[in-house]
Amino acid sequence: MKKLILGMAIVASAFVFGQKTDVNAQLQAANKAAMDAYNAKNYTVAAPKFVEVYELLKANGQDNKLYMYYAGLSHALANNSDAAIKIYTDLINSGFTGVETTYTAKEKKSGQVVTLDKASWELMKKTSDYSDFKTEQSQSIEPDLYETLATLLLNAKKGNEAVAIIEKGLAKFPNNAKLKEAQSTAYFQSGNTDKFVTTLKEQLAKNPNDATNWYNLGVMQAKDPATVADALESFKKAIEIKPNFSDAYQNLVYTTIGDDAKIVTDINALRKDKPDEASKLIDARRERFAKALPFAEAWYKAAPTSLDAVTTLKEIYVVTKNVDKIKEMKAKEAELSAKAK
């Protein structure tokens, strides 16, 4: 079976609570519970607790969406896809970037650097008790929002939604490599194979040493009889880069042999009334199998425990009439079949 190697994995982001806020006991308890659960990797518990922190802060006049980001991240890590998708979508639509400003000053009496809220920081400037007033902005996490949401949507097989969010993200971050990579997957999932192939070629133009992209391009090219030769070259490129790429060898075999079931049907239909034409088809079939042989042997070498590889190689030896190898592959086939039971 031909298959595409796609996917992406979600990566956890570290975070630090550095904001000092006067909060009530309920807020402190929720905050601690959220952090404790997250640090213990109990993300299912952490997610709603972060939402609780956000809602308590909002009730006190602080709309700090960073806590919703933590909630979304926790849902994602807990594989609660629907909840994570909703939160990330809401964050992106709200214009949230995660950028926060930290205000610090040095207390002259103690020499310690302290963190202040903006109002206190501005007020302390008017006194002689503090010096070295500084601000520092955290890095934007907006690209991460788009990357993670794209991953969540693709994992949930929501290709059309993934295409939309990826295109929106690339409009803001046109050089984002992760979004570009996800875009080809999204086009494939959504059934837009033309754009899928186009993005694969664009990625290969930038990075011609990506074996997986060469393989995926070959899979798509092999679907069209007009580009079968291109498919063979793409699979060979993949193998040059990754010599033990068993899937690429497998597809080289299948693409070289072609639709063998149809050929055998045609041969059987011609045997009685048009034996000469049948013979031509038989010779052409044997030639294709001979061309596929080195690829099949390489496939078996790369995946010696693959029953498909062994069975296919045995069938090629049958067609090319290599009796000794047929016996060897039959024994190997029996061995692997017994282990599979």
C-alpha atoms as a PDB file:
ATOM      1  CA  MET A   1       0.000   0.000   0.000  1.00  0.00           C
ATOM      2  CA  LYS A   2       1.263   3.464  -0.831  1.00  0.00           C
ATOM      3  CA  LYS A   3       1.172   5.860   2.059  1.00  0.00           C
ATOM      4  CA  LEU A   4       2.155   9.385   2.922  1.00  0.00           C
ATOM      5  CA  ILE A   5       4.448  10.094   5.824  1.00  0.00           C
ATOM      6  CA  LEU A   6       2.967  13.097   7.495  1.00  0.00           C
ATOM      7  CA  GLY A   7       2.477  14.485  10.866  1.00  0.00           C
ATOM      8  CA  MET A   8       3.617  16.690  13.226  1.00  0.00           C
ATOM      9  CA  ALA A   9       4.062  16.557  17.040  1.00  0.00           C
ATOM     10  CA  ILE A  10       2.989  19.107  19.706  1.00  0.00           C
ATOM     11  CA  VAL A  11       5.916  20.495  21.757  1.00  0.00           C
ATOM     12  CA  ALA A  12       5.338  21.742  25.327  1.00  0.00           C
ATOM     13  CA  SER A  13       6.393  25.295  26.089  1.00  0.00           C
ATOM     14  CA  ALA A  14       7.944  26.185  29.426  1.00  0.00           C
ATOM     15  CA  PHE A  15       6.438  29.076  31.314  1.00  0.00           C
ATOM     16  CA  VAL A  16       7.180  31.165  34.368  1.00  0.00           C
ATOM     17  CA  PHE A  17       4.827  33.065  36.617  1.00  0.00           C
ATOM     18  CA  GLY A  18       6.637  36.304  37.322  1.00  0.00           C
ATOM     19  CA  GLN A  19       3.747  38.662  37.872  1.00  0.00           C
ATOM     20  CA  LYS A  20       3.136  39.773  41.441  1.00  0.00           C
ATOM     21  CA  THR A  21      -0.536  40.469  42.002  1.00  0.00           C
ATOM     22  CA  ASP A  22      -2.608  41.088  45.071  1.00  0.00           C
ATOM     23  CA  VAL A  23      -5.007  38.195  44.946  1.00  0.00           C
ATOM     24  CA  ASN A  24      -7.381  36.642  47.377  1.00  0.00           C
ATOM     25  CA  ALA A  25      -6.974  33.214  48.945  1.00  0.00           C
ATOM     26  CA  GLN A  26      -9.181  31.562  46.326  1.00  0.00           C
ATOM     27  CA  LEU A  27      -7.023  32.894  43.505  1.00  0.00           C
ATOM     28  CA  GLN A  28      -3.823  31.825  45.247  1.00  0.00           C
ATOM     29  CA  ALA A  29      -5.232  28.336  45.795  1.00  0.00           C
ATOM     30  CA  ALA A  30      -6.317  27.969  42.159  1.00  0.00           C
ATOM     31  CA  ASN A  31      -2.960  29.259  40.944  1.00  0.00           C
ATOM     32  CA  LYS A  32      -1.067  26.776  43.135  1.00  0.00           C
ATOM     33  CA  ALA A  33      -3.317  23.889  42.116  1.00  0.00           C
ATOM     34  CA  ALA A  34      -2.821  24.720  38.440  1.00  0.00           C
ATOM     35  CA  MET A  35       0.959  24.953  38.753  1.00  0.00           C
ATOM     36  CA  ASP A  36       1.245  21.814  40.882  1.00  0.00           C
ATOM     37  CA  ALA A  37      -0.864  19.827  38.434  1.00  0.00           C
ATOM     38  CA  TYR A  38       1.073  21.111  35.430  1.00  0.00           C
ATOM     39  CA  ASN A  39       4.458  20.357  36.993  1.00  0.00           C
ATOM     40  CA  ALA A  40       3.188  16.871  37.867  1.00  0.00           C
ATOM     41  CA  LYS A  41       2.127  16.475  34.206  1.00  0.00           C
ATOM     42  CA  ASN A  42      -1.460  16.089  35.316  1.00  0.00           C
ATOM     43  CA  TYR A  43      -2.650  18.260  32.442  1.00  0.00           C
ATOM     44  CA  THR A  44      -6.302  17.219  32.688  1.00  0.00           C
ATOM     45  CA  VAL A  45      -6.449  18.802  36.146  1.00  0.00           C
ATOM     46  CA  ALA A  46      -4.216  21.757  35.260  1.00  0.00           C
ATOM     47  CA  ALA A  47      -6.313  22.994  32.324  1.00  0.00           C
ATOM     48  CA  PRO A  48      -9.550  23.888  34.163  1.00  0.00           C
ATOM     49  CA  LYS A  49      -7.547  25.319  37.066  1.00  0.00           C
ATOM     50  CA  PHE A  50      -5.794  27.738  34.708  1.00  0.00           C
ATOM     51  CA  VAL A  51      -9.203  28.735  33.366  1.00  0.00           C
ATOM     52  CA  GLU A  52     -10.325  29.320  36.951  1.00  0.00           C
ATOM     53  CA  VAL A  53      -7.300  31.571  37.577  1.00  0.00           C
ATOM     54  CA  TYR A  54      -8.106  33.541  34.426  1.00  0.00           C
ATOM     55  CA  GLU A  55     -11.752  33.987  35.398  1.00  0.00           C
ATOM     56  CA  LEU A  56     -10.900  35.060  38.969  1.00  0.00           C
ATOM     57  CA  LEU A  57      -8.421  37.624  37.683  1.00  0.00           C
ATOM     58  CA  LYS A  58     -10.915  38.868  35.124  1.00  0.00           C
ATOM     59  CA  ALA A  59     -13.500  39.316  37.871  1.00  0.00           C
ATOM     60  CA  ASN A  60     -10.952  41.550  39.601  1.00  0.00           C
ATOM     61  CA  GLY A  61     -10.458  43.641  36.471  1.00  0.00           C
ATOM     62  CA  GLN A  62      -7.422  41.857  34.996  1.00  0.00           C
ATOM     63  CA  ASP A  63      -7.985  40.262  31.585  1.00  0.00           C
ATOM     64  CA  ASN A  64      -4.747  38.245  31.531  1.00  0.00           C
ATOM     65  CA  LYS A  65      -5.170  35.811  28.641  1.00  0.00           C
ATOM     66  CA  LEU A  66      -1.801  34.246  29.336  1.00  0.00           C
ATOM     67  CA  TYR A  67      -3.600  31.927  31.741  1.00  0.00           C
ATOM     68  CA  MET A  68      -5.958  30.862  28.967  1.00  0.00           C
ATOM     69  CA  TYR A  69      -2.875  30.076  26.896  1.00  0.00           C
ATOM     70  CA  TYR A  70      -1.664  27.844  29.739  1.00  0.00           C
ATOM     71  CA  ALA A  71      -5.111  26.233  29.816  1.00  0.00           C
ATOM     72  CA  GLY A  72      -5.040  25.620  26.066  1.00  0.00           C
ATOM     73  CA  LEU A  73      -1.533  24.185  26.260  1.00  0.00           C
ATOM     74  CA  SER A  74      -2.583  21.882  29.101  1.00  0.00           C
ATOM     75  CA  HIS A  75      -5.630  20.689  27.155  1.00  0.00           C
ATOM     76  CA  ALA A  76      -3.384  19.996  24.156  1.00  0.00           C
ATOM     77  CA  LEU A  77      -0.919  18.005  26.263  1.00  0.00           C
ATOM     78  CA  ALA A  78      -3.849  16.054  27.758  1.00  0.00           C
ATOM     79  CA  ASN A  79      -5.074  15.269  24.222  1.00  0.00           C
ATOM     80  CA  ASN A  80      -8.307  17.173  24.841  1.00  0.00           C
ATOM     81  CA  SER A  81      -8.255  18.382  21.266  1.00  0.00           C
ATOM     82  CA  ASP A  82     -11.649  20.056  21.019  1.00  0.00           C
ATOM     83  CA  ALA A  83     -11.096  22.145  24.158  1.00  0.00           C
ATOM     84  CA  ALA A  84      -7.578  23.088  23.075  1.00  0.00           C
ATOM     85  CA  ILE A  85      -8.709  24.014  19.554  1.00  0.00           C
ATOM     86  CA  LYS A  86     -11.425  26.317  20.948  1.00  0.00           C
ATOM     87  CA  ILE A  87      -9.037  28.114  23.302  1.00  0.00           C
ATOM     88  CA  TYR A  88      -6.289  28.565  20.704  1.00  0.00           C
ATOM     89  CA  THR A  89      -8.814  29.774  18.138  1.00  0.00           C
ATOM     90  CA  ASP A  90     -10.252  32.290  20.614  1.00  0.00           C
ATOM     91  CA  LEU A  91      -6.765  33.521  21.537  1.00  0.00           C
ATOM     92  CA  ILE A  92      -5.785  34.061  17.908  1.00  0.00           C
ATOM     93  CA  ASN A  93      -9.062  35.814  17.096  1.00  0.00           C
ATOM     94  CA  SER A  94      -8.627  38.094  20.127  1.00  0.00           C
ATOM     95  CA  GLY A  95      -5.237  39.303  18.877  1.00  0.00           C
ATOM     96  CA  PHE A  96      -3.415  37.842  21.894  1.00  0.00           C
ATOM     97  CA  THR A  97       0.373  37.697  21.458  1.00  0.00           C
ATOM     98  CA  GLY A  98       1.539  36.833  24.975  1.00  0.00           C
ATOM     99  CA  VAL A  99       3.840  39.843  25.069  1.00  0.00           C
ATOM    100  CA  GLU A 100       4.125  41.143  28.634  1.00  0.00           C
ATOM    101  CA  THR A 101       6.104  44.065  30.034  1.00  0.00           C
ATOM    102  CA  THR A 102       8.043  43.623  33.274  1.00  0.00           C
ATOM    103  CA  TYR A 103       8.791  46.765  35.283  1.00  0.00           C
ATOM    104  CA  THR A 104      11.794  46.731  37.639  1.00  0.00           C
ATOM    105  CA  ALA A 105      13.688  49.184  39.809  1.00  0.00           C
ATOM    106  CA  LYS A 106      16.509  49.022  42.332  1.00  0.00           C
ATOM    107  CA  GLU A 107      15.706  49.830  45.943  1.00  0.00           C
ATOM    108  CA  LYS A 108      18.500  52.133  47.077  1.00  0.00           C
ATOM    109  CA  LYS A 109      18.311  51.142  50.737  1.00  0.00           C
ATOM    110  CA  SER A 110      18.670  47.376  50.194  1.00  0.00           C
ATOM    111  CA  GLY A 111      20.259  47.359  46.747  1.00  0.00           C
ATOM    112  CA  GLN A 112      17.721  44.773  45.626  1.00  0.00           C
ATOM    113  CA  VAL A 113      16.014  44.845  42.235  1.00  0.00           C
ATOM    114  CA  VAL A 114      12.246  44.584  42.645  1.00  0.00           C
ATOM    115  CA  THR A 115       9.421  43.953  40.200  1.00  0.00           C
ATOM    116  CA  LEU A 116       6.563  46.437  40.241  1.00  0.00           C
ATOM    117  CA  ASP A 117       3.248  46.902  38.492  1.00  0.00           C
ATOM    118  CA  LYS A 118       3.242  49.754  35.991  1.00  0.00           C
ATOM    119  CA  ALA A 119       1.390  52.213  38.227  1.00  0.00           C
ATOM    120  CA  SER A 120       3.756  51.665  41.165  1.00  0.00           C
ATOM    121  CA  TRP A 121       6.771  51.812  38.853  1.00  0.00           C
ATOM    122  CA  GLU A 122       5.652  55.197  37.505  1.00  0.00           C
ATOM    123  CA  LEU A 123       4.970  56.409  41.060  1.00  0.00           C
ATOM    124  CA  MET A 124       8.378  55.299  42.356  1.00  0.00           C
ATOM    125  CA  LYS A 125      10.067  57.366  39.637  1.00  0.00           C
ATOM    126  CA  LYS A 126       8.925  60.453  41.535  1.00  0.00           C
ATOM    127  CA  THR A 127      10.671  59.383  44.729  1.00  0.00           C
ATOM    128  CA  SER A 128      14.350  59.174  45.622  1.00  0.00           C
ATOM    129  CA  ASP A 129      14.043  55.677  47.091  1.00  0.00           C
ATOM    130  CA  TYR A 130      14.541  53.806  43.787  1.00  0.00           C
ATOM    131  CA  SER A 131      16.906  53.921  40.803  1.00  0.00           C
ATOM    132  CA  ASP A 132      17.721  51.925  37.669  1.00  0.00           C
ATOM    133  CA  PHE A 133      14.161  51.899  36.336  1.00  0.00           C
ATOM    134  CA  LYS A 134      13.925  49.345  33.548  1.00  0.00           C
ATOM    135  CA  THR A 135      11.315  47.627  31.395  1.00  0.00           C
ATOM    136  CA  GLU A 136      11.595  44.316  29.614  1.00  0.00           C
ATOM    137  CA  GLN A 137       9.186  42.761  27.138  1.00  0.00           C
ATOM    138  CA  SER A 138       8.650  39.029  26.834  1.00  0.00           C
ATOM    139  CA  GLN A 139       8.822  37.379  23.433  1.00  0.00           C
ATOM    140  CA  SER A 140       5.643  37.027  21.393  1.00  0.00           C
ATOM    141  CA  ILE A 141       4.121  33.552  21.405  1.00  0.00           C
ATOM    142  CA  GLU A 142       1.804  34.344  18.498  1.00  0.00           C
ATOM    143  CA  PRO A 143       3.698  32.096  16.039  1.00  0.00           C
ATOM    144  CA  ASP A 144       3.401  29.253  18.554  1.00  0.00           C
ATOM    145  CA  LEU A 145      -0.365  29.789  18.708  1.00  0.00           C
ATOM    146  CA  TYR A 146      -0.685  29.313  14.960  1.00  0.00           C
ATOM    147  CA  GLU A 147       1.727  26.358  14.877  1.00  0.00           C
ATOM    148  CA  THR A 148       0.007  24.516  17.723  1.00  0.00           C
ATOM    149  CA  LEU A 149      -3.507  25.180  16.450  1.00  0.00           C
ATOM    150  CA  ALA A 150      -2.480  23.931  13.009  1.00  0.00           C
ATOM    151  CA  THR A 151      -1.106  20.761  14.593  1.00  0.00           C
ATOM    152  CA  LEU A 152      -4.253  20.234  16.652  1.00  0.00           C
ATOM    153  CA  LEU A 153      -6.481  20.655  13.609  1.00  0.00           C
ATOM    154  CA  LEU A 154      -4.374  18.297  11.497  1.00  0.00           C
ATOM    155  CA  ASN A 155      -4.315  15.677  14.257  1.00  0.00           C
ATOM    156  CA  ALA A 156      -8.109  15.994  14.423  1.00  0.00           C
ATOM    157  CA  LYS A 157      -8.259  15.500  10.625  1.00  0.00           C
ATOM    158  CA  LYS A 158      -9.825  18.941  10.133  1.00  0.00           C
ATOM    159  CA  GLY A 159      -7.940  19.702   6.949  1.00  0.00           C
ATOM    160  CA  ASN A 160     -10.056  22.590   5.671  1.00  0.00           C
ATOM    161  CA  GLU A 161      -9.905  24.408   9.013  1.00  0.00           C
ATOM    162  CA  ALA A 162      -6.162  23.779   9.164  1.00  0.00           C
ATOM    163  CA  VAL A 163      -5.686  25.293   5.696  1.00  0.00           C
ATOM    164  CA  ALA A 164      -7.536  28.439   6.786  1.00  0.00           C
ATOM    165  CA  ILE A 165      -5.558  28.947   9.995  1.00  0.00           C
ATOM    166  CA  ILE A 166      -2.238  28.171   8.312  1.00  0.00           C
ATOM    167  CA  GLU A 167      -2.888  30.654   5.510  1.00  0.00           C
ATOM    168  CA  LYS A 168      -3.871  33.253   8.129  1.00  0.00           C
ATOM    169  CA  GLY A 169      -0.672  32.521  10.040  1.00  0.00           C
ATOM    170  CA  LEU A 170       1.533  32.686   6.960  1.00  0.00           C
ATOM    171  CA  ALA A 171       0.037  36.056   6.079  1.00  0.00           C
ATOM    172  CA  LYS A 172       1.556  37.306   9.368  1.00  0.00           C
ATOM    173  CA  PHE A 173       4.646  35.105   9.446  1.00  0.00           C
ATOM    174  CA  PRO A 174       5.486  34.298   5.807  1.00  0.00           C
ATOM    175  CA  ASN A 175       8.834  32.692   6.647  1.00  0.00           C
ATOM    176  CA  ASN A 176       7.526  30.361   9.354  1.00  0.00           C
ATOM    177  CA  ALA A 177       8.997  26.962   8.446  1.00  0.00           C
ATOM    178  CA  LYS A 178       6.648  24.951  10.682  1.00  0.00           C
ATOM    179  CA  LEU A 179       3.557  26.511   9.149  1.00  0.00           C
ATOM    180  CA  LYS A 180       4.945  25.938   5.661  1.00  0.00           C
ATOM    181  CA  GLU A 181       5.527  22.284   6.497  1.00  0.00           C
ATOM    182  CA  ALA A 182       2.051  21.940   7.975  1.00  0.00           C
ATOM    183  CA  GLN A 183       0.540  23.626   4.937  1.00  0.00           C
ATOM    184  CA  SER A 184       1.399  20.750   2.615  1.00  0.00           C
ATOM    185  CA  THR A 185      -0.173  18.281   5.036  1.00  0.00           C
ATOM    186  CA  ALA A 186      -3.280  20.451   5.325  1.00  0.00           C
ATOM    187  CA  TYR A 187      -3.655  20.659   1.555  1.00  0.00           C
ATOM    188  CA  PHE A 188      -3.416  16.869   1.364  1.00  0.00           C
ATOM    189  CA  GLN A 189      -5.973  16.346   4.138  1.00  0.00           C
ATOM    190  CA  SER A 190      -8.382  18.792   2.543  1.00  0.00           C
ATOM    191  CA  GLY A 191      -8.129  16.994  -0.795  1.00  0.00           C
ATOM    192  CA  ASN A 192      -6.334  19.822  -2.582  1.00  0.00           C
ATOM    193  CA  THR A 193      -3.681  17.603  -4.150  1.00  0.00           C
ATOM    194  CA  ASP A 194      -2.515  20.200  -6.681  1.00  0.00           C
ATOM    195  CA  LYS A 195      -1.592  22.649  -3.934  1.00  0.00           C
ATOM    196  CA  PHE A 196      -0.120  19.776  -1.922  1.00  0.00           C
ATOM    197  CA  VAL A 197       2.274  18.922  -4.745  1.00  0.00           C
ATOM    198  CA  THR A 198       3.075  22.609  -5.280  1.00  0.00           C
ATOM    199  CA  THR A 199       4.011  23.134  -1.637  1.00  0.00           C
ATOM    200  CA  LEU A 200       6.117  19.954  -1.649  1.00  0.00           C
ATOM    201  CA  LYS A 201       8.063  21.267  -4.642  1.00  0.00           C
ATOM    202  CA  GLU A 202       8.477  24.657  -2.971  1.00  0.00           C
ATOM    203  CA  GLN A 203       9.846  23.018   0.163  1.00  0.00           C
ATOM    204  CA  LEU A 204      12.200  20.829  -1.860  1.00  0.00           C
ATOM    205  CA  ALA A 205      13.479  23.869  -3.743  1.00  0.00           C
ATOM    206  CA  LYS A 206      14.486  25.326  -0.370  1.00  0.00           C
ATOM    207  CA  ASN A 207      15.652  22.049   1.149  1.00  0.00           C
ATOM    208  CA  PRO A 208      16.468  19.381  -1.459  1.00  0.00           C
ATOM    209  CA  ASN A 209      17.765  17.029   1.257  1.00  0.00           C
ATOM    210  CA  ASP A 210      14.357  16.271   2.755  1.00  0.00           C
ATOM    211  CA  ALA A 211      13.865  12.552   2.088  1.00  0.00           C
ATOM    212  CA  THR A 212      10.275  12.522   3.351  1.00  0.00           C
ATOM    213  CA  ASN A 213       9.206  15.306   0.995  1.00  0.00           C
ATOM    214  CA  TRP A 214      10.806  13.504  -1.967  1.00  0.00           C
ATOM    215  CA  TYR A 215       8.945  10.364  -0.944  1.00  0.00           C
ATOM    216  CA  ASN A 216       5.612  12.155  -0.583  1.00  0.00           C
ATOM    217  CA  LEU A 217       6.114  13.856  -3.936  1.00  0.00           C
ATOM    218  CA  GLY A 218       6.793  10.451  -5.477  1.00  0.00           C
ATOM    219  CA  VAL A 219       3.579   9.037  -4.011  1.00  0.00           C
ATOM    220  CA  MET A 220       1.577  11.835  -5.613  1.00  0.00           C
ATOM    221  CA  GLN A 221       3.394  11.574  -8.954  1.00  0.00           C
ATOM    222  CA  ALA A 222       2.830   7.817  -9.056  1.00  0.00           C
ATOM    223  CA  LYS A 223      -0.932   8.381  -9.072  1.00  0.00           C
ATOM    224  CA  ASP A 224      -0.742   9.950 -12.553  1.00  0.00           C
ATOM    225  CA  PRO A 225       0.435   7.720 -15.451  1.00  0.00           C
ATOM    226  CA  ALA A 226       1.946  10.811 -17.080  1.00  0.00           C
ATOM    227  CA  THR A 227       4.328  11.382 -14.148  1.00  0.00           C
ATOM    228  CA  VAL A 228       5.299   7.810 -13.249  1.00  0.00           C
ATOM    229  CA  ALA A 229       8.872   8.383 -14.465  1.00  0.00           C
ATOM    230  CA  ASP A 230       9.063  11.453 -12.235  1.00  0.00           C
ATOM    231  CA  ALA A 231       7.787   9.366  -9.329  1.00  0.00           C
ATOM    232  CA  LEU A 232      10.586   6.838  -9.785  1.00  0.00           C
ATOM    233  CA  GLU A 233      13.162   9.645  -9.720  1.00  0.00           C
ATOM    234  CA  SER A 234      11.589  11.135  -6.593  1.00  0.00           C
ATOM    235  CA  PHE A 235      11.720   7.797  -4.769  1.00  0.00           C
ATOM    236  CA  LYS A 236      15.359   7.367  -5.834  1.00  0.00           C
ATOM    237  CA  LYS A 237      16.140  10.841  -4.484  1.00  0.00           C
ATOM    238  CA  ALA A 238      14.597   9.862  -1.162  1.00  0.00           C
ATOM    239  CA  ILE A 239      16.796   6.759  -1.019  1.00  0.00           C
ATOM    240  CA  GLU A 240      19.946   8.692  -1.889  1.00  0.00           C
ATOM    241  CA  ILE A 241      19.311  10.875   1.130  1.00  0.00           C
ATOM    242  CA  LYS A 242      18.056   8.068   3.400  1.00  0.00           C
ATOM    243  CA  PRO A 243      19.532   4.733   2.231  1.00  0.00           C
ATOM    244  CA  ASN A 244      17.380   2.589   4.552  1.00  0.00           C
ATOM    245  CA  PHE A 245      14.088   4.241   3.571  1.00  0.00           C
ATOM    246  CA  SER A 246      12.025   1.042   3.275  1.00  0.00           C
ATOM    247  CA  ASP A 247       8.800   2.797   2.221  1.00  0.00           C
ATOM    248  CA  ALA A 248      10.615   4.404  -0.700  1.00  0.00           C
ATOM    249  CA  TYR A 249      11.992   1.037  -1.839  1.00  0.00           C
ATOM    250  CA  GLN A 250       8.495  -0.448  -1.511  1.00  0.00           C
ATOM    251  CA  ASN A 251       7.009   2.223  -3.732  1.00  0.00           C
ATOM    252  CA  LEU A 252       9.840   1.892  -6.238  1.00  0.00           C
ATOM    253  CA  VAL A 253       8.884  -1.774  -6.544  1.00  0.00           C
ATOM    254  CA  TYR A 254       5.148  -1.150  -6.916  1.00  0.00           C
ATOM    255  CA  THR A 255       5.570   1.776  -9.298  1.00  0.00           C
ATOM    256  CA  THR A 256       8.018  -0.145 -11.486  1.00  0.00           C
ATOM    257  CA  ILE A 257       5.749  -3.195 -11.682  1.00  0.00           C
ATOM    258  CA  GLY A 258       2.604  -1.132 -12.263  1.00  0.00           C
ATOM    259  CA  ASP A 259      -0.938  -2.517 -12.081  1.00  0.00           C
ATOM    260  CA  ASP A 260       0.039  -6.180 -12.225  1.00  0.00           C
ATOM    261  CA  ALA A 261      -3.435  -7.517 -11.482  1.00  0.00           C
ATOM    262  CA  LYS A 262      -4.773  -5.793 -14.603  1.00  0.00           C
ATOM    263  CA  ILE A 263      -1.870  -7.068 -16.711  1.00  0.00           C
ATOM    264  CA  VAL A 264      -2.450 -10.654 -15.582  1.00  0.00           C
ATOM    265  CA  THR A 265      -6.160 -10.304 -16.417  1.00  0.00           C
ATOM    266  CA  ASP A 266      -5.267  -9.016 -19.897  1.00  0.00           C
ATOM    267  CA  ILE A 267      -2.807 -11.860 -20.435  1.00  0.00           C
ATOM    268  CA  ASN A 268      -5.372 -14.487 -19.471  1.00  0.00           C
ATOM    269  CA  ALA A 269      -7.956 -12.898 -21.772  1.00  0.00           C
ATOM    270  CA  LEU A 270      -5.556 -13.064 -24.748  1.00  0.00           C
ATOM    271  CA  ARG A 271      -4.011 -16.503 -24.207  1.00  0.00           C
ATOM    272  CA  LYS A 272      -6.603 -18.450 -26.225  1.00  0.00           C
ATOM    273  CA  ASP A 273      -7.380 -16.243 -29.217  1.00  0.00           C
ATOM    274  CA  LYS A 274      -4.282 -13.991 -29.425  1.00  0.00           C
ATOM    275  CA  PRO A 275      -1.342 -15.977 -28.029  1.00  0.00           C
ATOM    276  CA  ASP A 276       1.275 -13.768 -29.688  1.00  0.00           C
ATOM    277  CA  GLU A 277      -0.083 -10.634 -28.030  1.00  0.00           C
ATOM    278  CA  ALA A 278      -0.279 -12.500 -24.742  1.00  0.00           C
ATOM    279  CA  SER A 279       3.387 -13.497 -25.115  1.00  0.00           C
ATOM    280  CA  LYS A 280       4.373  -9.886 -25.649  1.00  0.00           C
ATOM    281  CA  LEU A 281       2.589  -8.891 -22.468  1.00  0.00           C
ATOM    282  CA  ILE A 282       4.262 -11.759 -20.602  1.00  0.00           C
ATOM    283  CA  ASP A 283       7.719 -10.675 -21.798  1.00  0.00           C
ATOM    284  CA  ALA A 284       7.026  -7.060 -20.887  1.00  0.00           C
ATOM    285  CA  ARG A 285       5.796  -8.158 -17.457  1.00  0.00           C
ATOM    286  CA  ARG A 286       8.927 -10.241 -16.850  1.00  0.00           C
ATOM    287  CA  GLU A 287      11.070  -7.256 -17.867  1.00  0.00           C
ATOM    288  CA  ARG A 288       9.282  -4.974 -15.383  1.00  0.00           C
ATOM    289  CA  PHE A 289       9.722  -7.507 -12.613  1.00  0.00           C
ATOM    290  CA  ALA A 290      13.431  -7.806 -13.437  1.00  0.00           C
ATOM    291  CA  LYS A 291      13.761  -4.010 -13.157  1.00  0.00           C
ATOM    292  CA  ALA A 292      11.931  -4.091  -9.841  1.00  0.00           C
ATOM    293  CA  LEU A 293      14.122  -6.882  -8.438  1.00  0.00           C
ATOM    294  CA  PRO A 294      17.022  -4.764  -7.097  1.00  0.00           C
ATOM    295  CA  PHE A 295      14.548  -2.411  -5.426  1.00  0.00           C
ATOM    296  CA  ALA A 296      12.722  -5.363  -3.831  1.00  0.00           C
ATOM    297  CA  GLU A 297      16.001  -6.830  -2.570  1.00  0.00           C
ATOM    298  CA  ALA A 298      16.944  -3.457  -1.097  1.00  0.00           C
ATOM    299  CA  TRP A 299      13.489  -3.215   0.500  1.00  0.00           C
ATOM    300  CA  TYR A 300      13.969  -6.627   2.096  1.00  0.00           C
ATOM    301  CA  LYS A 301      17.424  -5.603   3.315  1.00  0.00           C
ATOM    302  CA  ALA A 302      16.027  -2.410   4.841  1.00  0.00           C
ATOM    303  CA  ALA A 303      13.020  -4.226   6.391  1.00  0.00           C
ATOM    304  CA  PRO A 304      13.975  -7.899   6.863  1.00  0.00           C
ATOM    305  CA  THR A 305      11.000  -8.591   9.155  1.00  0.00           C
ATOM    306  CA  SER A 306       8.416  -7.157   6.751  1.00  0.00           C
ATOM    307  CA  LEU A 307       6.094  -9.881   5.496  1.00  0.00           C
ATOM    308  CA  ASP A 308       5.063  -7.634   2.589  1.00  0.00           C
ATOM    309  CA  ALA A 309       8.696  -7.241   1.541  1.00  0.00           C
ATOM    310  CA  VAL A 310       9.326 -10.992   1.708  1.00  0.00           C
ATOM    311  CA  THR A 311       6.139 -11.956  -0.150  1.00  0.00           C
ATOM    312  CA  THR A 312       6.723  -9.374  -2.875  1.00  0.00           C
ATOM    313  CA  LEU A 313      10.329 -10.483  -3.330  1.00  0.00           C
ATOM    314  CA  LYS A 314       9.206 -14.130  -3.531  1.00  0.00           C
ATOM    315  CA  GLU A 315       6.682 -13.257  -6.259  1.00  0.00           C
ATOM    316  CA  ILE A 316       9.354 -11.412  -8.233  1.00  0.00           C
ATOM    317  CA  TYR A 317      11.648 -14.433  -8.004  1.00  0.00           C
ATOM    318  CA  VAL A 318       8.755 -16.578  -9.283  1.00  0.00           C
ATOM    319  CA  VAL A 319       8.290 -14.345 -12.329  1.00  0.00           C
ATOM    320  CA  THR A 320      12.044 -14.114 -12.979  1.00  0.00           C
ATOM    321  CA  LYS A 321      12.365 -17.914 -12.378  1.00  0.00           C
ATOM    322  CA  ASN A 322      14.997 -17.908  -9.626  1.00  0.00           C
ATOM    323  CA  VAL A 323      14.212 -21.283  -8.040  1.00  0.00           C
ATOM    324  CA  ASP A 324      16.755 -21.172  -5.207  1.00  0.00           C
ATOM    325  CA  LYS A 325      15.609 -17.744  -4.090  1.00  0.00           C
ATOM    326  CA  ILE A 326      11.955 -18.791  -4.280  1.00  0.00           C
ATOM    327  CA  LYS A 327      12.675 -21.555  -1.744  1.00  0.00           C
ATOM    328  CA  GLU A 328      14.570 -19.130   0.509  1.00  0.00           C
ATOM    329  CA  MET A 329      11.744 -16.577   0.466  1.00  0.00           C
ATOM    330  CA  LYS A 330       9.062 -19.229   1.019  1.00  0.00           C
ATOM    331  CA  ALA A 331      10.901 -20.350   4.160  1.00  0.00           C
ATOM    332  CA  LYS A 332      11.242 -16.759   5.361  1.00  0.00           C
ATOM    333  CA  GLU A 333       7.587 -16.091   4.580  1.00  0.00           C
ATOM    334  CA  ALA A 334       6.520 -19.112   6.644  1.00  0.00           C
ATOM    335  CA  GLU A 335       8.756 -18.010   9.522  1.00  0.00           C
ATOM    336  CA  LEU A 336       7.323 -14.460   9.611  1.00  0.00           C
ATOM    337  CA  SER A 337       3.748 -15.685   9.188  1.00  0.00           C
ATOM    338  CA  ALA A 338       4.172 -18.017  12.176  1.00  0.00           C
ATOM    339  CA  LYS A 339       5.503 -15.172  14.324  1.00  0.00           C
ATOM    340  CA  ALA A 340       2.568 -12.967  13.323  1.00  0.00           C
ATOM    341  CA  LYS A 341       0.033 -15.461  14.660  1.00  0.00           C
END
